[in-house]
Amino acid sequence: MKKVVIILLAVINITLIYQIIFSENNIRKYFILKDKMVFLQEKVDKLKNKNRLISAEILMLRNNPTYKKFILRKELNYIKKDEILYLVQ
């Protein structure tokens, strides 16, 4: 009886090892997907941070006239009356 149990467990172990190594969802694929998940999570975190920064800038543009004037002057080259704009390249 013990021999039968040992043989049965050995067959189950061999089958499981075969599945881990050679099946469609093998261990190599698991590690590839795990690395991809880490990469994508980092990308999501970066995009969330960028989204927070853009949201903060939108709030500043809506609520802070001084910041709005600063952006107009910096990004769109707006000038005040009687000012001369020099663009240096």
PDB file of N, CA and C in Angstrom:
ATOM      1  N   MET A   1       0.823  -1.194   0.000  1.00  0.00           N
ATOM      2  CA  MET A   1       0.000   0.000   0.000  1.00  0.00           C
ATOM      3  C   MET A   1       0.870   1.262   0.000  1.00  0.00           C
ATOM      4  N   LYS A   2       1.936   1.263   0.811  1.00  0.00           N
ATOM      5  CA  LYS A   2       2.814   2.428   0.863  1.00  0.00           C
ATOM      6  C   LYS A   2       3.477   2.677  -0.492  1.00  0.00           C
ATOM      7  N   LYS A   3       3.831   1.594  -1.195  1.00  0.00           N
ATOM      8  CA  LYS A   3       4.454   1.754  -2.502  1.00  0.00           C
ATOM      9  C   LYS A   3       3.501   2.426  -3.481  1.00  0.00           C
ATOM     10  N   VAL A   4       2.237   2.073  -3.427  1.00  0.00           N
ATOM     11  CA  VAL A   4       1.239   2.642  -4.325  1.00  0.00           C
ATOM     12  C   VAL A   4       1.088   4.138  -4.047  1.00  0.00           C
ATOM     13  N   VAL A   5       1.033   4.511  -2.789  1.00  0.00           N
ATOM     14  CA  VAL A   5       0.907   5.920  -2.413  1.00  0.00           C
ATOM     15  C   VAL A   5       2.139   6.695  -2.857  1.00  0.00           C
ATOM     16  N   ILE A   6       3.310   6.147  -2.649  1.00  0.00           N
ATOM     17  CA  ILE A   6       4.552   6.813  -3.035  1.00  0.00           C
ATOM     18  C   ILE A   6       4.612   6.971  -4.556  1.00  0.00           C
ATOM     19  N   ILE A   7       4.239   5.937  -5.289  1.00  0.00           N
ATOM     20  CA  ILE A   7       4.241   6.012  -6.752  1.00  0.00           C
ATOM     21  C   ILE A   7       3.219   7.036  -7.224  1.00  0.00           C
ATOM     22  N   LEU A   8       2.034   7.031  -6.607  1.00  0.00           N
ATOM     23  CA  LEU A   8       0.995   7.997  -6.973  1.00  0.00           C
ATOM     24  C   LEU A   8       1.464   9.427  -6.707  1.00  0.00           C
ATOM     25  N   LEU A   9       2.083   9.671  -5.574  1.00  0.00           N
ATOM     26  CA  LEU A   9       2.602  11.006  -5.257  1.00  0.00           C
ATOM     27  C   LEU A   9       3.727  11.399  -6.208  1.00  0.00           C
ATOM     28  N   ALA A  10       4.566  10.453  -6.582  1.00  0.00           N
ATOM     29  CA  ALA A  10       5.646  10.744  -7.527  1.00  0.00           C
ATOM     30  C   ALA A  10       5.067  11.119  -8.887  1.00  0.00           C
ATOM     31  N   VAL A  11       4.046  10.415  -9.336  1.00  0.00           N
ATOM     32  CA  VAL A  11       3.410  10.724 -10.616  1.00  0.00           C
ATOM     33  C   VAL A  11       2.766  12.111 -10.556  1.00  0.00           C
ATOM     34  N   ILE A  12       2.105  12.408  -9.457  1.00  0.00           N
ATOM     35  CA  ILE A  12       1.491  13.740  -9.290  1.00  0.00           C
ATOM     36  C   ILE A  12       2.567  14.816  -9.302  1.00  0.00           C
ATOM     37  N   ASN A  13       3.664  14.605  -8.605  1.00  0.00           N
ATOM     38  CA  ASN A  13       4.763  15.579  -8.588  1.00  0.00           C
ATOM     39  C   ASN A  13       5.359  15.777  -9.972  1.00  0.00           C
ATOM     40  N   ILE A  14       5.580  14.708 -10.692  1.00  0.00           N
ATOM     41  CA  ILE A  14       6.136  14.811 -12.047  1.00  0.00           C
ATOM     42  C   ILE A  14       5.174  15.565 -12.954  1.00  0.00           C
ATOM     43  N   THR A  15       3.881  15.268 -12.812  1.00  0.00           N
ATOM     44  CA  THR A  15       2.875  15.966 -13.614  1.00  0.00           C
ATOM     45  C   THR A  15       2.867  17.461 -13.299  1.00  0.00           C
ATOM     46  N   LEU A  16       2.924  17.805 -12.037  1.00  0.00           N
ATOM     47  CA  LEU A  16       2.927  19.218 -11.641  1.00  0.00           C
ATOM     48  C   LEU A  16       4.183  19.932 -12.135  1.00  0.00           C
ATOM     49  N   ILE A  17       5.321  19.286 -12.016  1.00  0.00           N
ATOM     50  CA  ILE A  17       6.569  19.887 -12.497  1.00  0.00           C
ATOM     51  C   ILE A  17       6.506  20.085 -14.008  1.00  0.00           C
ATOM     52  N   TYR A  18       5.969  19.094 -14.719  1.00  0.00           N
ATOM     53  CA  TYR A  18       5.817  19.227 -16.162  1.00  0.00           C
ATOM     54  C   TYR A  18       4.917  20.416 -16.493  1.00  0.00           C
ATOM     55  N   GLN A  19       3.812  20.569 -15.776  1.00  0.00           N
ATOM     56  CA  GLN A  19       2.890  21.683 -16.006  1.00  0.00           C
ATOM     57  C   GLN A  19       3.574  23.029 -15.743  1.00  0.00           C
ATOM     58  N   ILE A  20       4.353  23.100 -14.694  1.00  0.00           N
ATOM     59  CA  ILE A  20       5.044  24.349 -14.353  1.00  0.00           C
ATOM     60  C   ILE A  20       6.050  24.728 -15.435  1.00  0.00           C
ATOM     61  N   ILE A  21       6.755  23.756 -15.960  1.00  0.00           N
ATOM     62  CA  ILE A  21       7.835  24.047 -16.903  1.00  0.00           C
ATOM     63  C   ILE A  21       7.352  24.136 -18.349  1.00  0.00           C
ATOM     64  N   PHE A  22       6.479  23.245 -18.767  1.00  0.00           N
ATOM     65  CA  PHE A  22       6.177  23.124 -20.199  1.00  0.00           C
ATOM     66  C   PHE A  22       4.767  23.541 -20.606  1.00  0.00           C
ATOM     67  N   SER A  23       3.917  23.898 -19.690  1.00  0.00           N
ATOM     68  CA  SER A  23       2.541  24.245 -20.074  1.00  0.00           C
ATOM     69  C   SER A  23       2.494  25.633 -20.718  1.00  0.00           C
ATOM     70  N   GLU A  24       1.319  25.994 -21.206  1.00  0.00           N
ATOM     71  CA  GLU A  24       1.144  27.306 -21.854  1.00  0.00           C
ATOM     72  C   GLU A  24       1.368  28.434 -20.851  1.00  0.00           C
ATOM     73  N   ASN A  25       0.948  28.249 -19.635  1.00  0.00           N
ATOM     74  CA  ASN A  25       1.126  29.260 -18.585  1.00  0.00           C
ATOM     75  C   ASN A  25       2.268  28.835 -17.662  1.00  0.00           C
ATOM     76  N   ASN A  26       3.429  28.685 -18.225  1.00  0.00           N
ATOM     77  CA  ASN A  26       4.566  28.188 -17.462  1.00  0.00           C
ATOM     78  C   ASN A  26       5.180  29.276 -16.589  1.00  0.00           C
ATOM     79  N   ILE A  27       6.182  28.899 -15.845  1.00  0.00           N
ATOM     80  CA  ILE A  27       6.805  29.814 -14.884  1.00  0.00           C
ATOM     81  C   ILE A  27       7.530  30.962 -15.579  1.00  0.00           C
ATOM     82  N   ARG A  28       8.088  30.689 -16.761  1.00  0.00           N
ATOM     83  CA  ARG A  28       8.766  31.751 -17.520  1.00  0.00           C
ATOM     84  C   ARG A  28       7.777  32.839 -17.911  1.00  0.00           C
ATOM     85  N   LYS A  29       6.614  32.422 -18.374  1.00  0.00           N
ATOM     86  CA  LYS A  29       5.578  33.382 -18.749  1.00  0.00           C
ATOM     87  C   LYS A  29       5.111  34.165 -17.528  1.00  0.00           C
ATOM     88  N   TYR A  30       5.039  33.499 -16.392  1.00  0.00           N
ATOM     89  CA  TYR A  30       4.660  34.173 -15.146  1.00  0.00           C
ATOM     90  C   TYR A  30       5.629  35.313 -14.838  1.00  0.00           C
ATOM     91  N   PHE A  31       6.925  35.057 -14.929  1.00  0.00           N
ATOM     92  CA  PHE A  31       7.905  36.098 -14.618  1.00  0.00           C
ATOM     93  C   PHE A  31       7.892  37.216 -15.650  1.00  0.00           C
ATOM     94  N   ILE A  32       7.641  36.883 -16.909  1.00  0.00           N
ATOM     95  CA  ILE A  32       7.525  37.917 -17.941  1.00  0.00           C
ATOM     96  C   ILE A  32       6.334  38.814 -17.644  1.00  0.00           C
ATOM     97  N   LEU A  33       5.208  38.196 -17.315  1.00  0.00           N
ATOM     98  CA  LEU A  33       4.002  38.980 -17.001  1.00  0.00           C
ATOM     99  C   LEU A  33       4.175  39.789 -15.713  1.00  0.00           C
ATOM    100  N   LYS A  34       4.897  39.227 -14.766  1.00  0.00           N
ATOM    101  CA  LYS A  34       5.157  39.950 -13.518  1.00  0.00           C
ATOM    102  C   LYS A  34       5.994  41.196 -13.797  1.00  0.00           C
ATOM    103  N   ASP A  35       7.042  41.063 -14.615  1.00  0.00           N
ATOM    104  CA  ASP A  35       7.866  42.213 -14.987  1.00  0.00           C
ATOM    105  C   ASP A  35       7.054  43.254 -15.742  1.00  0.00           C
ATOM    106  N   LYS A  36       6.192  42.778 -16.635  1.00  0.00           N
ATOM    107  CA  LYS A  36       5.342  43.694 -17.393  1.00  0.00           C
ATOM    108  C   LYS A  36       4.389  44.433 -16.465  1.00  0.00           C
ATOM    109  N   MET A  37       3.865  43.725 -15.473  1.00  0.00           N
ATOM    110  CA  MET A  37       2.961  44.353 -14.514  1.00  0.00           C
ATOM    111  C   MET A  37       3.683  45.445 -13.710  1.00  0.00           C
ATOM    112  N   VAL A  38       4.910  45.169 -13.307  1.00  0.00           N
ATOM    113  CA  VAL A  38       5.691  46.164 -12.563  1.00  0.00           C
ATOM    114  C   VAL A  38       5.939  47.391 -13.438  1.00  0.00           C
ATOM    115  N   PHE A  39       6.318  47.166 -14.691  1.00  0.00           N
ATOM    116  CA  PHE A  39       6.550  48.261 -15.627  1.00  0.00           C
ATOM    117  C   PHE A  39       5.287  49.095 -15.815  1.00  0.00           C
ATOM    118  N   LEU A  40       4.158  48.424 -16.022  1.00  0.00           N
ATOM    119  CA  LEU A  40       2.902  49.142 -16.243  1.00  0.00           C
ATOM    120  C   LEU A  40       2.456  49.879 -14.982  1.00  0.00           C
ATOM    121  N   GLN A  41       2.700  49.298 -13.817  1.00  0.00           N
ATOM    122  CA  GLN A  41       2.333  49.981 -12.567  1.00  0.00           C
ATOM    123  C   GLN A  41       3.158  51.250 -12.389  1.00  0.00           C
ATOM    124  N   GLU A  42       4.449  51.185 -12.736  1.00  0.00           N
ATOM    125  CA  GLU A  42       5.289  52.385 -12.672  1.00  0.00           C
ATOM    126  C   GLU A  42       4.783  53.446 -13.643  1.00  0.00           C
ATOM    127  N   LYS A  43       4.370  53.011 -14.818  1.00  0.00           N
ATOM    128  CA  LYS A  43       3.835  53.937 -15.815  1.00  0.00           C
ATOM    129  C   LYS A  43       2.545  54.586 -15.310  1.00  0.00           C
ATOM    130  N   VAL A  44       1.686  53.794 -14.690  1.00  0.00           N
ATOM    131  CA  VAL A  44       0.439  54.320 -14.128  1.00  0.00           C
ATOM    132  C   VAL A  44       0.748  55.333 -13.029  1.00  0.00           C
ATOM    133  N   ASP A  45       1.710  55.023 -12.181  1.00  0.00           N
ATOM    134  CA  ASP A  45       2.083  55.951 -11.102  1.00  0.00           C
ATOM    135  C   ASP A  45       2.604  57.271 -11.664  1.00  0.00           C
ATOM    136  N   LYS A  46       3.426  57.191 -12.707  1.00  0.00           N
ATOM    137  CA  LYS A  46       3.938  58.417 -13.331  1.00  0.00           C
ATOM    138  C   LYS A  46       2.807  59.235 -13.935  1.00  0.00           C
ATOM    139  N   LEU A  47       1.857  58.554 -14.584  1.00  0.00           N
ATOM    140  CA  LEU A  47       0.731  59.266 -15.185  1.00  0.00           C
ATOM    141  C   LEU A  47      -0.183  59.879 -14.122  1.00  0.00           C
ATOM    142  N   LYS A  48      -0.352  59.183 -13.008  1.00  0.00           N
ATOM    143  CA  LYS A  48      -1.150  59.755 -11.904  1.00  0.00           C
ATOM    144  C   LYS A  48      -0.476  61.004 -11.363  1.00  0.00           C
ATOM    145  N   ASN A  49       0.846  60.958 -11.220  1.00  0.00           N
ATOM    146  CA  ASN A  49       1.574  62.124 -10.732  1.00  0.00           C
ATOM    147  C   ASN A  49       1.457  63.281 -11.714  1.00  0.00           C
ATOM    148  N   LYS A  50       1.607  62.980 -13.005  1.00  0.00           N
ATOM    149  CA  LYS A  50       1.469  64.016 -14.027  1.00  0.00           C
ATOM    150  C   LYS A  50       0.054  64.597 -14.010  1.00  0.00           C
ATOM    151  N   ASN A  51      -0.926  63.759 -13.815  1.00  0.00           N
ATOM    152  CA  ASN A  51      -2.312  64.206 -13.744  1.00  0.00           C
ATOM    153  C   ASN A  51      -2.525  65.147 -12.551  1.00  0.00           C
ATOM    154  N   ARG A  52      -1.908  64.809 -11.413  1.00  0.00           N
ATOM    155  CA  ARG A  52      -2.008  65.687 -10.231  1.00  0.00           C
ATOM    156  C   ARG A  52      -1.383  67.056 -10.518  1.00  0.00           C
ATOM    157  N   LEU A  53      -0.236  67.049 -11.193  1.00  0.00           N
ATOM    158  CA  LEU A  53       0.429  68.315 -11.511  1.00  0.00           C
ATOM    159  C   LEU A  53      -0.419  69.158 -12.462  1.00  0.00           C
ATOM    160  N   ILE A  54      -1.003  68.514 -13.445  1.00  0.00           N
ATOM    161  CA  ILE A  54      -1.849  69.247 -14.392  1.00  0.00           C
ATOM    162  C   ILE A  54      -3.098  69.774 -13.696  1.00  0.00           C
ATOM    163  N   SER A  55      -3.678  68.979 -12.813  1.00  0.00           N
ATOM    164  CA  SER A  55      -4.855  69.439 -12.062  1.00  0.00           C
ATOM    165  C   SER A  55      -4.510  70.643 -11.189  1.00  0.00           C
ATOM    166  N   ALA A  56      -3.343  70.603 -10.569  1.00  0.00           N
ATOM    167  CA  ALA A  56      -2.911  71.736  -9.747  1.00  0.00           C
ATOM    168  C   ALA A  56      -2.715  72.976 -10.613  1.00  0.00           C
ATOM    169  N   GLU A  57      -2.152  72.799 -11.804  1.00  0.00           N
ATOM    170  CA  GLU A  57      -1.963  73.949 -12.692  1.00  0.00           C
ATOM    171  C   GLU A  57      -3.309  74.513 -13.158  1.00  0.00           C
ATOM    172  N   ILE A  58      -4.258  73.639 -13.429  1.00  0.00           N
ATOM    173  CA  ILE A  58      -5.588  74.103 -13.828  1.00  0.00           C
ATOM    174  C   ILE A  58      -6.218  74.931 -12.714  1.00  0.00           C
ATOM    175  N   LEU A  59      -6.094  74.455 -11.484  1.00  0.00           N
ATOM    176  CA  LEU A  59      -6.627  75.221 -10.343  1.00  0.00           C
ATOM    177  C   LEU A  59      -5.947  76.578 -10.224  1.00  0.00           C
ATOM    178  N   MET A  60      -4.627  76.590 -10.422  1.00  0.00           N
ATOM    179  CA  MET A  60      -3.896  77.861 -10.357  1.00  0.00           C
ATOM    180  C   MET A  60      -4.376  78.810 -11.459  1.00  0.00           C
ATOM    181  N   LEU A  61      -4.582  78.286 -12.651  1.00  0.00           N
ATOM    182  CA  LEU A  61      -5.032  79.132 -13.755  1.00  0.00           C
ATOM    183  C   LEU A  61      -6.448  79.660 -13.511  1.00  0.00           C
ATOM    184  N   ARG A  62      -7.280  78.871 -12.863  1.00  0.00           N
ATOM    185  CA  ARG A  62      -8.647  79.305 -12.580  1.00  0.00           C
ATOM    186  C   ARG A  62      -8.716  80.324 -11.445  1.00  0.00           C
ATOM    187  N   ASN A  63      -7.863  80.162 -10.438  1.00  0.00           N
ATOM    188  CA  ASN A  63      -8.030  80.920  -9.198  1.00  0.00           C
ATOM    189  C   ASN A  63      -6.971  81.978  -8.931  1.00  0.00           C
ATOM    190  N   ASN A  64      -5.903  82.018  -9.711  1.00  0.00           N
ATOM    191  CA  ASN A  64      -4.805  82.924  -9.409  1.00  0.00           C
ATOM    192  C   ASN A  64      -4.522  83.805 -10.634  1.00  0.00           C
ATOM    193  N   PRO A  65      -5.024  85.031 -10.628  1.00  0.00           N
ATOM    194  CA  PRO A  65      -4.803  85.911 -11.776  1.00  0.00           C
ATOM    195  C   PRO A  65      -3.324  86.220 -12.035  1.00  0.00           C
ATOM    196  N   THR A  66      -2.525  86.287 -10.989  1.00  0.00           N
ATOM    197  CA  THR A  66      -1.099  86.555 -11.165  1.00  0.00           C
ATOM    198  C   THR A  66      -0.431  85.412 -11.923  1.00  0.00           C
ATOM    199  N   TYR A  67      -0.775  84.189 -11.560  1.00  0.00           N
ATOM    200  CA  TYR A  67      -0.213  83.029 -12.256  1.00  0.00           C
ATOM    201  C   TYR A  67      -0.688  82.999 -13.709  1.00  0.00           C
ATOM    202  N   LYS A  68      -1.937  83.358 -13.919  1.00  0.00           N
ATOM    203  CA  LYS A  68      -2.482  83.386 -15.276  1.00  0.00           C
ATOM    204  C   LYS A  68      -1.712  84.392 -16.130  1.00  0.00           C
ATOM    205  N   LYS A  69      -1.424  85.560 -15.579  1.00  0.00           N
ATOM    206  CA  LYS A  69      -0.649  86.570 -16.311  1.00  0.00           C
ATOM    207  C   LYS A  69       0.767  86.064 -16.586  1.00  0.00           C
ATOM    208  N   PHE A  70       1.345  85.398 -15.596  1.00  0.00           N
ATOM    209  CA  PHE A  70       2.688  84.842 -15.765  1.00  0.00           C
ATOM    210  C   PHE A  70       2.721  83.850 -16.931  1.00  0.00           C
ATOM    211  N   ILE A  71       1.749  82.955 -16.992  1.00  0.00           N
ATOM    212  CA  ILE A  71       1.697  81.966 -18.061  1.00  0.00           C
ATOM    213  C   ILE A  71       1.455  82.639 -19.415  1.00  0.00           C
ATOM    214  N   LEU A  72       0.583  83.618 -19.440  1.00  0.00           N
ATOM    215  CA  LEU A  72       0.344  84.345 -20.692  1.00  0.00           C
ATOM    216  C   LEU A  72       1.632  84.982 -21.214  1.00  0.00           C
ATOM    217  N   ARG A  73       2.376  85.578 -20.323  1.00  0.00           N
ATOM    218  CA  ARG A  73       3.613  86.243 -20.729  1.00  0.00           C
ATOM    219  C   ARG A  73       4.683  85.219 -21.128  1.00  0.00           C
ATOM    220  N   LYS A  74       4.773  84.143 -20.365  1.00  0.00           N
ATOM    221  CA  LYS A  74       5.826  83.158 -20.609  1.00  0.00           C
ATOM    222  C   LYS A  74       5.531  82.299 -21.838  1.00  0.00           C
ATOM    223  N   GLU A  75       4.350  81.727 -21.904  1.00  0.00           N
ATOM    224  CA  GLU A  75       4.039  80.756 -22.953  1.00  0.00           C
ATOM    225  C   GLU A  75       3.565  81.407 -24.256  1.00  0.00           C
ATOM    226  N   LEU A  76       2.811  82.471 -24.150  1.00  0.00           N
ATOM    227  CA  LEU A  76       2.217  83.069 -25.346  1.00  0.00           C
ATOM    228  C   LEU A  76       2.862  84.391 -25.740  1.00  0.00           C
ATOM    229  N   ASN A  77       3.888  84.792 -25.011  1.00  0.00           N
ATOM    230  CA  ASN A  77       4.637  86.014 -25.301  1.00  0.00           C
ATOM    231  C   ASN A  77       3.769  87.275 -25.291  1.00  0.00           C
ATOM    232  N   TYR A  78       2.801  87.289 -24.383  1.00  0.00           N
ATOM    233  CA  TYR A  78       1.997  88.503 -24.231  1.00  0.00           C
ATOM    234  C   TYR A  78       2.861  89.573 -23.570  1.00  0.00           C
ATOM    235  N   ILE A  79       2.616  90.815 -23.945  1.00  0.00           N
ATOM    236  CA  ILE A  79       3.363  91.915 -23.345  1.00  0.00           C
ATOM    237  C   ILE A  79       2.377  92.971 -22.868  1.00  0.00           C
ATOM    238  N   LYS A  80       2.839  93.763 -21.924  1.00  0.00           N
ATOM    239  CA  LYS A  80       2.023  94.870 -21.440  1.00  0.00           C
ATOM    240  C   LYS A  80       2.152  96.044 -22.400  1.00  0.00           C
ATOM    241  N   LYS A  81       1.250  96.965 -22.243  1.00  0.00           N
ATOM    242  CA  LYS A  81       1.294  98.159 -23.071  1.00  0.00           C
ATOM    243  C   LYS A  81       2.633  98.875 -22.851  1.00  0.00           C
ATOM    244  N   ASP A  82       3.212  99.355 -23.930  1.00  0.00           N
ATOM    245  CA  ASP A  82       4.484 100.075 -23.923  1.00  0.00           C
ATOM    246  C   ASP A  82       5.688  99.194 -23.589  1.00  0.00           C
ATOM    247  N   GLU A  83       5.565  97.889 -23.697  1.00  0.00           N
ATOM    248  CA  GLU A  83       6.712  96.995 -23.525  1.00  0.00           C
ATOM    249  C   GLU A  83       7.197  96.550 -24.904  1.00  0.00           C
ATOM    250  N   ILE A  84       8.471  96.217 -24.964  1.00  0.00           N
ATOM    251  CA  ILE A  84       9.052  95.683 -26.186  1.00  0.00           C
ATOM    252  C   ILE A  84       9.506  94.263 -25.897  1.00  0.00           C
ATOM    253  N   LEU A  85       9.154  93.356 -26.760  1.00  0.00           N
ATOM    254  CA  LEU A  85       9.499  91.966 -26.578  1.00  0.00           C
ATOM    255  C   LEU A  85      10.701  91.623 -27.454  1.00  0.00           C
ATOM    256  N   TYR A  86      11.719  91.088 -26.816  1.00  0.00           N
ATOM    257  CA  TYR A  86      12.896  90.614 -27.552  1.00  0.00           C
ATOM    258  C   TYR A  86      12.930  89.085 -27.454  1.00  0.00           C
ATOM    259  N   LEU A  87      12.859  88.429 -28.568  1.00  0.00           N
ATOM    260  CA  LEU A  87      12.962  86.979 -28.615  1.00  0.00           C
ATOM    261  C   LEU A  87      14.380  86.609 -29.027  1.00  0.00           C
ATOM    262  N   VAL A  88      15.057  85.891 -28.162  1.00  0.00           N
ATOM    263  CA  VAL A  88      16.425  85.479 -28.419  1.00  0.00           C
ATOM    264  C   VAL A  88      16.421  83.986 -28.711  1.00  0.00           C
ATOM    265  N   GLN A  89      17.039  83.626 -29.815  1.00  0.00           N
ATOM    266  CA  GLN A  89      17.075  82.205 -30.169  1.00  0.00           C
ATOM    267  C   GLN A  89      18.449  81.644 -30.021  1.00  0.00           C
TER     268      GLN A  89
END
